[in-house]
């Protein structure tokens, strides 16, 4: 690991200022990705700006919206009574992220800002039509994730919170890697308050994506049988030692049907 300058600001504005001054700075939230890559010599930032000092932790659950502050660990989201009541699918998703260490150190803001293609939270952000609040603006979930490990965030911009609309019903189903528990494929299905349906897929492709054909079928009839014959193309899907594009395409349908059956 190379030497670096360490900063721990207590205000979002100060964190942004430090990043602007840094030669090659990186924001640190839970550190679940950044620290291992630094230890392996794959990243050597000049400055580390630790967002832990912002103390931006907590969940607010209301009748129509659940707001999760960016520094909130996955374990807190999973255990929050308000989340369990308003959006049980979100609490269930958080409870299945990684292992206990990851759930207690990793944060929602760090997860979506990093945008690992196999991360769980992007499917909830897109599937629930959430809004990502940053240090300078609000970004619709559909426009936040732009590519593999890339987002709409500017270099000196940080995530401060995520607002999730409370749906009529929703569920998340995933096929986890047995070692890391990352989503080889994960599907979040939600029927929103306005009656629209969203199907968001993570793990299968370079970034989270929706399946319009399934959404249309489910809006007509919210039943696993309604999407039984709908498949996604394997073209452009991820391929690795764990699963081929064709296998991931198959899993999308299987997991979508499981999520629909479990939605509540």
Protein backbone atom coordinates (compact mmCIF):
# COMPACT_ATOMS: atom_id res chain seq x y z
CA UNK A 1 0.00 0.00 0.00
CA UNK A 2 1.37 3.42 -0.99
CA UNK A 3 1.50 6.46 1.30
CA UNK A 4 -1.46 8.82 1.20
CA UNK A 5 -2.86 11.87 2.98
CA UNK A 6 -5.73 11.04 5.33
CA UNK A 7 -8.61 13.44 5.98
CA UNK A 8 -11.72 13.03 8.15
CA UNK A 9 -14.03 16.01 7.57
CA UNK A 10 -17.14 16.57 9.66
CA UNK A 11 -19.18 18.47 7.06
CA UNK A 12 -20.14 17.46 3.49
CA UNK A 13 -18.96 20.82 2.14
CA UNK A 14 -15.52 20.26 3.66
CA UNK A 15 -15.33 16.78 2.12
CA UNK A 16 -16.06 18.29 -1.30
CA UNK A 17 -13.43 21.00 -0.82
CA UNK A 18 -10.80 18.43 0.13
CA UNK A 19 -11.57 16.38 -2.96
CA UNK A 20 -11.21 19.43 -5.21
CA UNK A 21 -7.77 20.13 -3.74
CA UNK A 22 -6.54 16.53 -3.95
CA UNK A 23 -4.34 15.37 -6.83
CA UNK A 24 -5.98 11.95 -6.98
CA UNK A 25 -8.38 11.71 -4.07
CA UNK A 26 -10.85 9.00 -3.15
CA UNK A 27 -13.83 9.11 -0.82
CA UNK A 28 -13.91 6.36 1.80
CA UNK A 29 -17.22 5.14 3.18
CA UNK A 30 -17.37 1.53 4.37
CA UNK A 31 -14.14 0.68 2.54
CA UNK A 32 -15.36 -2.72 1.37
CA UNK A 33 -13.89 -2.21 -2.12
CA UNK A 34 -11.40 0.64 -1.83
CA UNK A 35 -9.25 -0.79 0.99
CA UNK A 36 -8.75 -4.25 -0.57
CA UNK A 37 -7.80 -2.71 -3.92
CA UNK A 38 -5.29 -0.43 -2.18
CA UNK A 39 -3.78 -3.37 -0.31
CA UNK A 40 -3.40 -5.23 -3.59
CA UNK A 41 -1.72 -2.27 -5.24
CA UNK A 42 -4.58 -1.79 -7.70
CA UNK A 43 -5.32 1.71 -6.38
CA UNK A 44 -2.94 4.33 -5.01
CA UNK A 45 -4.84 7.54 -4.26
CA UNK A 46 -2.97 10.61 -3.13
CA UNK A 47 -5.64 11.46 -0.57
CA UNK A 48 -8.26 9.48 1.34
CA UNK A 49 -11.28 11.50 2.47
CA UNK A 50 -13.04 9.48 5.15
CA UNK A 51 -16.77 10.18 5.12
CA UNK A 52 -17.24 8.42 8.45
CA UNK A 53 -16.66 11.71 10.23
CA UNK A 54 -19.84 13.14 8.72
CA UNK A 55 -21.89 10.94 11.07
CA UNK A 56 -24.48 10.70 8.32
CA UNK A 57 -26.27 7.60 9.63
CA UNK A 58 -29.92 6.78 10.12
CA UNK A 59 -33.26 5.80 8.59
CA UNK A 60 -36.51 7.76 8.48
CA UNK A 61 -39.58 5.76 7.54
CA UNK A 62 -42.82 7.55 6.69
CA UNK A 63 -46.09 6.46 5.12
CA UNK A 64 -45.01 7.24 1.57
CA UNK A 65 -41.21 7.30 1.71
CA UNK A 66 -38.22 5.72 3.40
CA UNK A 67 -35.07 7.85 3.55
CA UNK A 68 -31.75 6.16 4.27
CA UNK A 69 -28.74 8.36 5.00
CA UNK A 70 -25.67 7.47 2.97
CA UNK A 71 -23.48 6.35 5.88
CA UNK A 72 -26.02 3.83 7.15
CA UNK A 73 -24.60 0.27 7.32
CA UNK A 74 -26.50 -2.53 5.62
CA UNK A 75 -27.13 -4.20 8.99
CA UNK A 76 -28.96 -1.11 10.23
CA UNK A 77 -31.24 -1.07 7.19
CA UNK A 78 -31.93 -4.78 7.64
CA UNK A 79 -32.82 -4.37 11.32
CA UNK A 80 -34.79 -1.12 11.12
CA UNK A 81 -38.42 -1.65 12.21
CA UNK A 82 -39.64 1.19 9.99
CA UNK A 83 -38.03 -0.34 6.90
CA UNK A 84 -39.38 -3.79 7.76
CA UNK A 85 -42.89 -2.37 7.97
CA UNK A 86 -42.81 0.04 5.00
CA UNK A 87 -40.58 -1.86 2.54
CA UNK A 88 -39.87 -5.37 3.84
CA UNK A 89 -38.20 -6.23 0.52
CA UNK A 90 -35.54 -3.57 1.16
CA UNK A 91 -34.83 -4.90 4.65
CA UNK A 92 -34.59 -8.44 3.27
CA UNK A 93 -32.20 -7.33 0.53
CA UNK A 94 -29.93 -5.61 3.06
CA UNK A 95 -29.93 -8.68 5.31
CA UNK A 96 -28.48 -10.80 2.50
CA UNK A 97 -25.56 -8.57 1.53
CA UNK A 98 -22.18 -10.23 2.04
CA UNK A 99 -21.35 -11.55 5.50
CA UNK A 100 -21.81 -9.98 8.97
CA UNK A 101 -18.57 -8.01 8.63
CA UNK A 102 -19.64 -6.50 5.31
CA UNK A 103 -23.15 -5.76 6.57
CA UNK A 104 -21.84 -3.95 9.64
CA UNK A 105 -19.13 -1.94 7.84
CA UNK A 106 -20.44 -1.46 4.32
CA UNK A 107 -22.80 1.48 3.70
CA UNK A 108 -25.60 2.13 1.26
CA UNK A 109 -23.91 5.28 -0.03
CA UNK A 110 -20.62 3.52 -0.61
CA UNK A 111 -22.33 0.61 -2.33
CA UNK A 112 -24.25 2.64 -4.90
CA UNK A 113 -21.40 5.10 -5.47
CA UNK A 114 -19.04 2.20 -6.20
CA UNK A 115 -21.67 0.51 -8.39
CA UNK A 116 -20.20 -2.97 -8.49
CA UNK A 117 -22.15 -4.84 -11.20
CA UNK A 118 -22.94 -7.60 -8.69
CA UNK A 119 -24.07 -5.30 -5.85
CA UNK A 120 -27.58 -5.71 -4.45
CA UNK A 121 -28.64 -2.12 -3.72
CA UNK A 122 -28.71 -0.86 -7.33
CA UNK A 123 -31.63 -3.21 -8.05
CA UNK A 124 -33.61 -1.66 -5.17
CA UNK A 125 -32.76 1.89 -6.23
CA UNK A 126 -33.97 1.25 -9.77
CA UNK A 127 -36.72 -1.21 -8.87
CA UNK A 128 -38.34 1.17 -6.38
CA UNK A 129 -37.78 4.25 -8.56
CA UNK A 130 -35.71 5.79 -5.77
CA UNK A 131 -34.02 9.18 -5.76
CA UNK A 132 -30.32 9.53 -4.93
CA UNK A 133 -29.60 12.74 -3.02
CA UNK A 134 -26.07 14.08 -3.38
CA UNK A 135 -24.16 17.01 -1.93
CA UNK A 136 -25.45 19.21 -4.75
CA UNK A 137 -28.58 17.71 -6.37
CA UNK A 138 -31.14 14.92 -6.66
CA UNK A 139 -30.65 12.16 -9.24
CA UNK A 140 -33.41 9.74 -10.34
CA UNK A 141 -32.40 6.12 -9.81
CA UNK A 142 -32.85 5.34 -13.50
CA UNK A 143 -30.19 7.91 -14.38
CA UNK A 144 -27.73 7.26 -11.55
CA UNK A 145 -26.04 4.04 -12.69
CA UNK A 146 -24.27 4.71 -15.99
CA UNK A 147 -21.98 1.69 -16.47
CA UNK A 148 -19.74 -0.84 -14.76
CA UNK A 149 -18.31 0.86 -11.64
CA UNK A 150 -19.52 4.22 -12.97
CA UNK A 151 -22.33 6.54 -11.93
CA UNK A 152 -23.69 10.02 -12.61
CA UNK A 153 -21.67 11.34 -9.64
CA UNK A 154 -19.15 14.07 -10.38
CA UNK A 155 -15.62 13.65 -9.02
CA UNK A 156 -16.25 16.08 -6.15
CA UNK A 157 -19.82 14.97 -5.40
CA UNK A 158 -20.92 12.63 -2.63
CA UNK A 159 -24.10 10.67 -1.94
CA UNK A 160 -25.84 11.98 1.18
CA UNK A 161 -29.08 9.93 1.20
CA UNK A 162 -31.42 7.72 -0.81
CA UNK A 163 -35.19 8.21 -0.87
CA UNK A 164 -37.25 5.07 -1.53
CA UNK A 165 -40.97 5.45 -2.34
CA UNK A 166 -43.09 2.94 -0.42
CA UNK A 167 -44.54 0.45 -2.94
CA UNK A 168 -47.78 -1.52 -2.85
CA UNK A 169 -45.70 -4.68 -2.80
CA UNK A 170 -42.16 -5.73 -3.65
CA UNK A 171 -39.63 -8.54 -3.28
CA UNK A 172 -36.02 -9.30 -4.08
CA UNK A 173 -34.66 -12.70 -5.12
CA UNK A 174 -31.04 -13.47 -5.87
CA UNK A 175 -28.71 -16.32 -6.73
CA UNK A 176 -25.66 -15.60 -4.57
CA UNK A 177 -22.09 -16.60 -5.21
CA UNK A 178 -21.51 -19.24 -2.51
CA UNK A 179 -18.24 -17.68 -1.38
CA UNK A 180 -18.79 -13.91 -1.55
CA UNK A 181 -22.61 -13.83 -1.50
CA UNK A 182 -22.51 -11.24 -4.25
CA UNK A 183 -25.43 -11.50 -6.63
CA UNK A 184 -24.57 -13.65 -9.63
CA UNK A 185 -28.07 -12.51 -10.56
CA UNK A 186 -30.55 -10.60 -8.44
CA UNK A 187 -34.03 -9.42 -9.43
CA UNK A 188 -36.05 -6.76 -7.60
CA UNK A 189 -39.74 -6.61 -8.52
CA UNK A 190 -42.03 -3.84 -7.27
CA UNK A 191 -45.56 -2.64 -7.85
CA UNK A 192 -45.43 1.05 -7.01
CA UNK A 193 -48.11 3.19 -5.42
CA UNK A 194 -49.27 4.46 -8.84
CA UNK A 195 -49.82 0.89 -10.06
CA UNK A 196 -46.76 0.77 -12.32
CA UNK A 197 -44.48 -2.26 -12.11
CA UNK A 198 -40.71 -2.34 -12.21
CA UNK A 199 -38.35 -5.27 -12.69
CA UNK A 200 -34.68 -4.42 -12.01
CA UNK A 201 -31.85 -6.90 -12.55
CA UNK A 202 -28.40 -6.79 -10.98
CA UNK A 203 -25.43 -9.16 -11.34
CA UNK A 204 -26.40 -10.32 -14.81
CA UNK A 205 -24.98 -7.44 -16.85
CA UNK A 206 -22.36 -4.67 -16.62
CA UNK A 207 -24.91 -2.52 -14.76
CA UNK A 208 -28.42 -2.82 -13.33
CA UNK A 209 -31.12 -2.95 -16.00
CA UNK A 210 -34.89 -3.19 -16.30
CA UNK A 211 -36.96 -5.75 -18.23
CA UNK A 212 -39.80 -3.83 -19.95
CA UNK A 213 -41.48 -6.97 -21.31
CA UNK A 214 -41.87 -8.37 -17.81
CA UNK A 215 -43.03 -5.04 -16.44
CA UNK A 216 -45.77 -4.80 -19.07
CA UNK A 217 -46.95 -8.35 -18.43
CA UNK A 218 -46.97 -7.91 -14.67
CA UNK A 219 -48.86 -4.65 -14.88
CA UNK A 220 -51.61 -6.52 -16.71
CA UNK A 221 -51.51 -9.45 -14.28
CA UNK A 222 -49.23 -9.54 -11.25
CA UNK A 223 -48.53 -13.24 -11.30
CA UNK A 224 -45.46 -15.42 -11.75
CA UNK A 225 -47.29 -17.22 -14.55
CA UNK A 226 -47.60 -13.95 -16.47
CA UNK A 227 -43.84 -13.83 -17.07
CA UNK A 228 -43.10 -17.55 -17.31
CA UNK A 229 -42.53 -17.37 -21.06
CA UNK A 230 -40.54 -14.12 -21.10
CA UNK A 231 -36.79 -14.43 -21.49
CA UNK A 232 -33.94 -11.95 -21.75
CA UNK A 233 -31.19 -12.10 -24.32
CA UNK A 234 -27.82 -13.44 -23.21
CA UNK A 235 -26.07 -10.95 -25.48
CA UNK A 236 -23.94 -8.55 -23.46
CA UNK A 237 -24.47 -10.30 -20.13
CA UNK A 238 -21.59 -11.08 -17.79
CA UNK A 239 -19.49 -14.19 -18.21
CA UNK A 240 -17.03 -15.57 -15.67
CA UNK A 241 -15.93 -18.81 -14.02
CA UNK A 242 -19.18 -18.92 -12.07
CA UNK A 243 -21.78 -18.55 -14.83
CA UNK A 244 -22.13 -18.08 -18.57
CA UNK A 245 -24.27 -15.32 -20.13
CA UNK A 246 -26.84 -17.96 -21.09
CA UNK A 247 -27.08 -19.24 -17.52
CA UNK A 248 -27.47 -15.72 -16.17
CA UNK A 249 -30.21 -15.03 -18.73
CA UNK A 250 -32.01 -18.16 -17.53
CA UNK A 251 -31.68 -17.08 -13.90
CA UNK A 252 -33.30 -13.71 -14.61
CA UNK A 253 -36.60 -15.39 -15.43
CA UNK A 254 -36.36 -17.88 -12.57
CA UNK A 255 -35.61 -15.20 -9.98
CA UNK A 256 -38.17 -12.75 -11.37
CA UNK A 257 -40.88 -15.37 -10.92
CA UNK A 258 -39.69 -16.10 -7.39
CA UNK A 259 -39.74 -12.39 -6.54
CA UNK A 260 -43.25 -11.95 -7.91
CA UNK A 261 -44.48 -14.94 -5.91
CA UNK A 262 -42.88 -13.54 -2.74
CA UNK A 263 -43.94 -9.90 -3.20
CA UNK A 264 -45.91 -8.39 -0.34
